Amino acid sequence: MPPPSVSRRHFLAVAASGLLVPACRSGPEPGDGIIDTHTHFYDPTRPRGVAWPPADEPRLYRPILPAEYRRLAEPLGITGTVVVEASPREEDNDWVLELMAREPLLLGLVGHLKPGRIGFLEGLRRYGRNPLFRGIRTGGWNVPLAPTDAAFRRDCRELARRNLVLDVLVSPGDLHQVAGLAEAVPDLRLVVDHCANVRVDGAAPPREWLSGLDACARNPGIHLKVSGLVEGTGRNDGTARADPALYRPVLDAVWERFGPDRVLFGSNWPVSSMFAPLTTVHQIAGADAITRGENAAQRFFHRNAIRVYQLRPRTL
């Protein structure tokens, strides 16, 4: 069957068919619509300000709060989102968790702690008591992956013991380290963010990235977040194209290696908005996913997020 059009009309037809279900206020239930596994929220007007984004980027350096995201996301059938840390300050986990307590659209936090550093276990015990705290991310804020470091591996084992996730922010050349960490801590669920920040230009992906994907795909504990696609084009003037042919070489490589059970949808909003609107990000991922079959698309957009991050329905 030829790939479907990525027009708005096509996407509305997909929604009407039941693949994408309209949003609801109460959070995800079995069979509900899309879960976006990668968003950021912050407020530079808070007394201590923010460590990121930089003040010289006005498109991002402003209050980024759930009400704005909801206005954009609900018409696309997005019923909830996983918030990912955007600060090196441990106390900013508290600010996000307080925000989440008032907003059922926010389903879980992948927060910031520093594995391998003094104080990690105390922080994990504290935040791990909150059921909305679903894991941590590493790879940024001068906290690189360190699969050969004993303290880093010890802390990752504690994450696994608590049934929490490790998101990793890496480049193509780091994927073999991700695979090494999975071998060292086999019970840990890992999620590679942003397709490992591969360049997206419509050409065959680089061999280094493909080799790293192969290494990761051999370990069933590693998942890949289909996010960062429009960012991979480098078009930070908002003009990243929606043409599926541009993204297909990367997406084919991901789906061929990880299959329908180990891929997740993420928007990376609001960062992605510098490259393309949320509607375009959603359109690119969705138009591709439905070519893999309705069941695969439902796993990609919803079921895998619930399973990997162990999300629960929310009501206020």
Protein backbone atom coordinates (compact mmCIF):
# COMPACT_ATOMS: atom_id res chain seq x y z
CA MET A 1 0.00 0.00 0.00
CA PRO A 2 1.49 3.41 -0.85
CA PRO A 3 2.30 5.69 2.07
CA PRO A 4 -0.59 8.01 2.94
CA SER A 5 -0.56 11.74 2.45
CA VAL A 6 0.55 13.83 5.43
CA SER A 7 -2.14 16.44 4.85
CA ARG A 8 -4.25 17.79 7.70
CA ARG A 9 -7.27 16.16 6.05
CA HIS A 10 -5.53 12.81 6.18
CA PHE A 11 -4.74 13.19 9.85
CA LEU A 12 -8.33 14.06 10.66
CA ALA A 13 -9.41 10.93 8.83
CA VAL A 14 -6.99 8.89 10.93
CA ALA A 15 -8.42 10.43 14.09
CA ALA A 16 -11.94 9.64 12.97
CA SER A 17 -11.01 6.01 12.36
CA GLY A 18 -10.24 5.58 16.05
CA LEU A 19 -6.44 5.39 15.79
CA LEU A 20 -6.09 8.77 17.48
CA VAL A 21 -8.66 9.37 20.20
CA PRO A 22 -9.78 12.88 21.28
CA ALA A 23 -8.21 14.23 24.42
CA CYS A 24 -9.83 13.92 27.85
CA ARG A 25 -9.21 15.64 31.18
CA SER A 26 -8.65 12.55 33.28
CA GLY A 27 -5.37 11.23 31.87
CA PRO A 28 -4.68 7.97 30.05
CA GLU A 29 -6.98 5.00 30.17
CA PRO A 30 -6.48 1.85 28.08
CA GLY A 31 -7.26 2.79 24.49
CA ASP A 32 -7.03 6.56 24.95
CA GLY A 33 -5.14 8.84 22.59
CA ILE A 34 -1.58 10.01 22.24
CA ILE A 35 0.97 10.30 25.03
CA ASP A 36 3.81 12.69 24.25
CA THR A 37 6.83 11.35 26.13
CA HIS A 38 9.01 14.47 25.91
CA THR A 39 8.07 18.00 26.93
CA HIS A 40 9.69 20.68 29.08
CA PHE A 41 8.10 23.25 31.41
CA TYR A 42 9.79 26.11 33.28
CA ASP A 43 9.36 29.76 34.24
CA PRO A 44 12.20 32.33 34.02
CA THR A 45 10.14 34.78 36.11
CA ARG A 46 10.50 32.63 39.26
CA PRO A 47 12.64 34.23 41.99
CA ARG A 48 15.69 32.08 41.20
CA GLY A 49 15.08 32.15 37.47
CA VAL A 50 16.14 29.17 35.37
CA ALA A 51 19.45 27.62 34.40
CA TRP A 52 18.11 26.95 30.91
CA PRO A 53 17.19 28.25 28.35
CA PRO A 54 19.57 31.16 27.84
CA ALA A 55 18.15 34.66 28.10
CA ASP A 56 19.29 35.49 24.57
CA GLU A 57 16.81 32.99 23.06
CA PRO A 58 13.46 34.83 23.39
CA ARG A 59 11.48 32.06 21.70
CA LEU A 60 12.24 29.82 24.67
CA TYR A 61 13.20 32.25 27.46
CA ARG A 62 9.67 32.94 28.68
CA PRO A 63 7.18 31.10 30.89
CA ILE A 64 6.51 27.69 29.30
CA LEU A 65 3.52 26.28 31.15
CA PRO A 66 0.93 23.53 30.65
CA ALA A 67 -1.93 25.79 29.57
CA GLU A 68 -0.06 26.77 26.39
CA TYR A 69 0.86 23.19 25.60
CA ARG A 70 -2.72 22.02 26.23
CA ARG A 71 -4.08 24.50 23.67
CA LEU A 72 -1.73 23.08 21.06
CA ALA A 73 -1.91 19.42 22.04
CA GLU A 74 -5.58 18.71 22.67
CA PRO A 75 -6.70 19.27 19.05
CA LEU A 76 -4.11 16.65 18.01
CA GLY A 77 -5.57 14.00 20.33
CA ILE A 78 -2.72 14.22 22.85
CA THR A 79 -4.10 13.11 26.22
CA GLY A 80 -0.99 13.40 28.36
CA THR A 81 2.72 14.01 28.46
CA VAL A 82 5.87 12.91 30.25
CA VAL A 83 7.86 15.93 31.42
CA VAL A 84 11.65 15.69 31.03
CA GLU A 85 14.08 17.67 33.16
CA ALA A 86 15.43 20.93 31.82
CA SER A 87 17.60 22.03 34.73
CA PRO A 88 20.79 20.91 36.51
CA ARG A 89 19.30 22.01 39.86
CA GLU A 90 17.87 19.17 41.90
CA GLU A 91 15.35 21.45 43.60
CA ASP A 92 13.74 22.20 40.24
CA ASN A 93 12.32 18.67 40.39
CA ASP A 94 10.13 20.00 43.20
CA TRP A 95 8.84 22.88 41.07
CA VAL A 96 7.81 20.51 38.27
CA LEU A 97 6.20 18.06 40.67
CA GLU A 98 4.20 20.89 42.23
CA LEU A 99 3.10 21.94 38.75
CA MET A 100 2.10 18.35 38.00
CA ALA A 101 0.00 18.10 41.15
CA ARG A 102 -2.34 20.72 39.66
CA GLU A 103 -2.38 19.47 36.06
CA PRO A 104 -3.57 15.95 35.11
CA LEU A 105 -2.24 16.34 31.57
CA LEU A 106 1.24 15.86 33.08
CA LEU A 107 1.59 12.13 33.68
CA GLY A 108 5.13 11.68 34.94
CA LEU A 109 8.49 13.38 35.47
CA VAL A 110 11.85 12.22 34.20
CA GLY A 111 13.79 14.37 36.60
CA HIS A 112 17.36 15.43 37.29
CA LEU A 113 19.70 13.65 39.68
CA LYS A 114 23.39 12.92 39.22
CA PRO A 115 24.19 9.19 39.24
CA GLY A 116 27.66 8.41 40.46
CA ARG A 117 27.79 11.60 42.55
CA ILE A 118 27.50 12.09 46.30
CA GLY A 119 23.87 12.58 47.36
CA PHE A 120 22.30 10.61 44.52
CA LEU A 121 20.77 7.89 46.68
CA GLU A 122 19.33 10.41 49.14
CA GLY A 123 17.72 12.32 46.29
CA LEU A 124 16.38 9.15 44.74
CA ARG A 125 14.82 8.05 48.01
CA ARG A 126 13.19 11.44 48.43
CA TYR A 127 11.76 11.82 44.94
CA GLY A 128 11.06 8.14 44.48
CA ARG A 129 8.31 8.39 47.11
CA ASN A 130 6.29 10.48 44.64
CA PRO A 131 4.48 8.20 42.15
CA LEU A 132 4.76 10.90 39.46
CA PHE A 133 8.56 10.67 39.57
CA ARG A 134 9.26 8.07 36.88
CA GLY A 135 13.02 8.26 36.42
CA ILE A 136 15.91 10.56 35.55
CA ARG A 137 17.79 11.75 32.52
CA THR A 138 21.54 11.88 32.12
CA GLY A 139 23.89 12.95 29.36
CA GLY A 140 23.57 16.68 29.93
CA TRP A 141 24.65 19.19 32.58
CA ASN A 142 28.14 17.68 32.73
CA VAL A 143 26.74 14.29 33.82
CA PRO A 144 27.81 12.01 30.97
CA LEU A 145 27.13 8.32 30.67
CA ALA A 146 29.78 6.38 32.57
CA PRO A 147 29.07 2.67 32.07
CA THR A 148 32.54 1.66 33.31
CA ASP A 149 32.32 3.72 36.53
CA ALA A 150 31.40 1.58 39.56
CA ALA A 151 29.48 4.33 41.36
CA PHE A 152 27.52 5.18 38.22
CA ARG A 153 26.58 1.53 37.69
CA ARG A 154 25.63 1.19 41.38
CA ASP A 155 23.22 4.11 41.11
CA CYS A 156 21.75 2.78 37.89
CA ARG A 157 21.12 -0.55 39.61
CA GLU A 158 19.20 1.36 42.27
CA LEU A 159 17.08 2.99 39.56
CA ALA A 160 16.30 -0.45 38.17
CA ARG A 161 15.50 -1.81 41.62
CA ARG A 162 12.94 0.97 42.08
CA ASN A 163 11.42 0.29 38.64
CA LEU A 164 12.49 3.71 37.36
CA VAL A 165 13.71 4.68 33.91
CA LEU A 166 16.96 6.22 32.70
CA ASP A 167 16.54 8.55 29.73
CA VAL A 168 19.81 9.30 27.98
CA LEU A 169 20.70 12.38 25.95
CA VAL A 170 23.46 11.25 23.60
CA SER A 171 25.05 11.75 20.21
CA PRO A 172 25.45 9.01 17.57
CA GLY A 173 28.97 8.24 18.76
CA ASP A 174 27.70 7.53 22.31
CA LEU A 175 25.29 4.73 21.41
CA HIS A 176 27.83 1.98 22.06
CA GLN A 177 28.17 3.33 25.61
CA VAL A 178 24.39 3.06 26.03
CA ALA A 179 24.63 -0.56 24.93
CA GLY A 180 27.49 -1.11 27.39
CA LEU A 181 25.44 0.31 30.26
CA ALA A 182 22.53 -1.97 29.38
CA GLU A 183 24.87 -4.96 29.49
CA ALA A 184 26.26 -3.86 32.86
CA VAL A 185 22.79 -3.21 34.37
CA PRO A 186 20.51 -5.64 32.51
CA ASP A 187 17.39 -4.87 34.58
CA LEU A 188 17.50 -1.13 33.78
CA ARG A 189 14.99 0.34 31.31
CA LEU A 190 16.79 2.87 29.13
CA VAL A 191 15.27 5.35 26.68
CA VAL A 192 17.47 7.00 24.04
CA ASP A 193 16.14 10.53 23.45
CA HIS A 194 15.85 12.33 20.13
CA CYS A 195 17.00 9.42 17.93
CA ALA A 196 20.44 10.07 19.44
CA ASN A 197 20.49 13.50 17.76
CA VAL A 198 21.19 12.12 14.30
CA ARG A 199 21.34 14.52 11.37
CA VAL A 200 18.16 14.46 9.24
CA ASP A 201 18.65 15.41 5.59
CA GLY A 202 16.84 12.73 3.58
CA ALA A 203 20.06 10.87 2.83
CA ALA A 204 21.16 7.51 4.18
CA PRO A 205 21.96 7.86 7.91
CA PRO A 206 25.62 7.85 8.97
CA ARG A 207 27.26 4.48 9.55
CA GLU A 208 28.34 5.43 13.06
CA TRP A 209 24.71 5.99 14.05
CA LEU A 210 23.53 2.77 12.40
CA SER A 211 26.26 0.78 14.13
CA GLY A 212 25.29 2.24 17.48
CA LEU A 213 21.62 1.49 16.84
CA ASP A 214 22.52 -2.11 16.05
CA ALA A 215 24.36 -2.42 19.36
CA CYS A 216 21.45 -0.92 21.30
CA ALA A 217 18.79 -2.93 19.50
CA ARG A 218 20.40 -6.17 20.63
CA ASN A 219 19.46 -5.34 24.23
CA PRO A 220 15.69 -5.55 24.93
CA GLY A 221 15.97 -3.06 27.79
CA ILE A 222 16.82 -0.18 25.44
CA HIS A 223 14.02 1.85 23.85
CA LEU A 224 14.20 4.71 21.40
CA LYS A 225 12.23 7.94 21.54
CA VAL A 226 11.21 9.22 18.11
CA SER A 227 11.80 12.86 18.92
CA GLY A 228 14.25 15.45 17.69
CA LEU A 229 13.43 14.84 14.01
CA VAL A 230 12.71 18.44 13.02
CA GLU A 231 15.64 19.55 15.16
CA GLY A 232 17.84 17.16 13.17
CA THR A 233 17.20 19.21 10.04
CA GLY A 234 19.02 22.19 11.57
CA ARG A 235 16.23 24.55 10.42
CA ASN A 236 15.81 26.54 13.62
CA ASP A 237 13.95 29.30 11.77
CA GLY A 238 10.75 27.25 11.99
CA THR A 239 10.86 25.94 8.42
CA ALA A 240 11.56 22.22 8.92
CA ARG A 241 9.58 20.39 6.25
CA ALA A 242 6.72 17.96 6.84
CA ASP A 243 7.63 15.91 3.74
CA PRO A 244 7.82 12.29 4.99
CA ALA A 245 10.54 11.42 2.48
CA LEU A 246 12.96 13.65 4.37
CA TYR A 247 12.58 11.62 7.58
CA ARG A 248 11.99 8.13 6.18
CA PRO A 249 15.63 6.93 6.09
CA VAL A 250 16.00 7.66 9.81
CA LEU A 251 12.57 6.30 10.73
CA ASP A 252 13.03 3.12 8.67
CA ALA A 253 16.33 2.45 10.43
CA VAL A 254 14.71 2.93 13.85
CA TRP A 255 11.64 0.79 13.23
CA GLU A 256 13.59 -1.99 11.49
CA ARG A 257 15.86 -2.36 14.51
CA PHE A 258 13.56 -1.65 17.46
CA GLY A 259 10.19 -2.81 16.17
CA PRO A 260 6.78 -1.63 17.40
CA ASP A 261 7.33 -2.45 21.09
CA ARG A 262 10.43 -0.31 21.72
CA VAL A 263 9.67 3.03 20.06
CA LEU A 264 7.89 5.99 21.67
CA PHE A 265 6.53 9.28 20.40
CA GLY A 266 7.99 12.49 21.82
CA SER A 267 7.66 16.08 20.62
CA ASN A 268 10.49 17.82 22.52
CA TRP A 269 8.17 20.82 22.83
CA PRO A 270 8.88 23.73 23.19
CA VAL A 271 12.36 23.22 21.70
CA SER A 272 10.81 21.66 18.61
CA SER A 273 8.70 24.80 18.08
CA MET A 274 11.82 26.66 16.94
CA PHE A 275 12.02 24.22 14.02
CA ALA A 276 8.36 23.45 13.27
CA PRO A 277 4.93 23.74 14.90
CA LEU A 278 3.70 20.94 17.13
CA THR A 279 1.18 20.02 14.41
CA THR A 280 4.06 19.30 12.02
CA VAL A 281 5.97 17.22 14.59
CA HIS A 282 2.82 15.20 15.25
CA GLN A 283 2.09 14.87 11.52
CA ILE A 284 5.55 13.57 10.63
CA ALA A 285 5.54 10.88 13.32
CA GLY A 286 1.92 9.89 12.79
CA ALA A 287 1.98 9.68 9.01
CA ASP A 288 4.95 7.35 9.28
CA ALA A 289 3.61 5.28 12.18
CA ILE A 290 0.35 4.38 10.49
CA THR A 291 2.25 2.92 7.56
CA ARG A 292 3.58 0.37 10.08
CA GLY A 293 0.03 -0.76 10.86
CA GLU A 294 -2.68 0.42 13.23
CA ASN A 295 -1.57 -1.83 16.09
CA ALA A 296 2.04 -0.63 15.79
CA ALA A 297 0.88 2.99 15.72
CA GLN A 298 -1.19 2.55 18.87
CA ARG A 299 1.80 1.06 20.68
CA PHE A 300 4.03 3.86 19.46
CA PHE A 301 1.63 6.63 20.45
CA HIS A 302 0.24 5.24 23.69
CA ARG A 303 0.83 1.72 24.99
CA ASN A 304 4.63 1.76 25.01
CA ALA A 305 4.68 5.00 27.01
CA ILE A 306 2.46 3.51 29.71
CA ARG A 307 4.52 0.33 29.91
CA VAL A 308 8.00 1.87 29.77
CA TYR A 309 7.31 4.75 32.18
CA GLN A 310 4.76 2.81 34.26
CA LEU A 311 2.21 5.61 33.96
CA ARG A 312 -1.08 5.65 35.84
CA PRO A 313 -4.41 7.33 35.08
CA ARG A 314 -4.75 10.73 36.73
CA THR A 315 -7.71 12.72 37.99
CA LEU A 316 -7.92 15.79 40.21
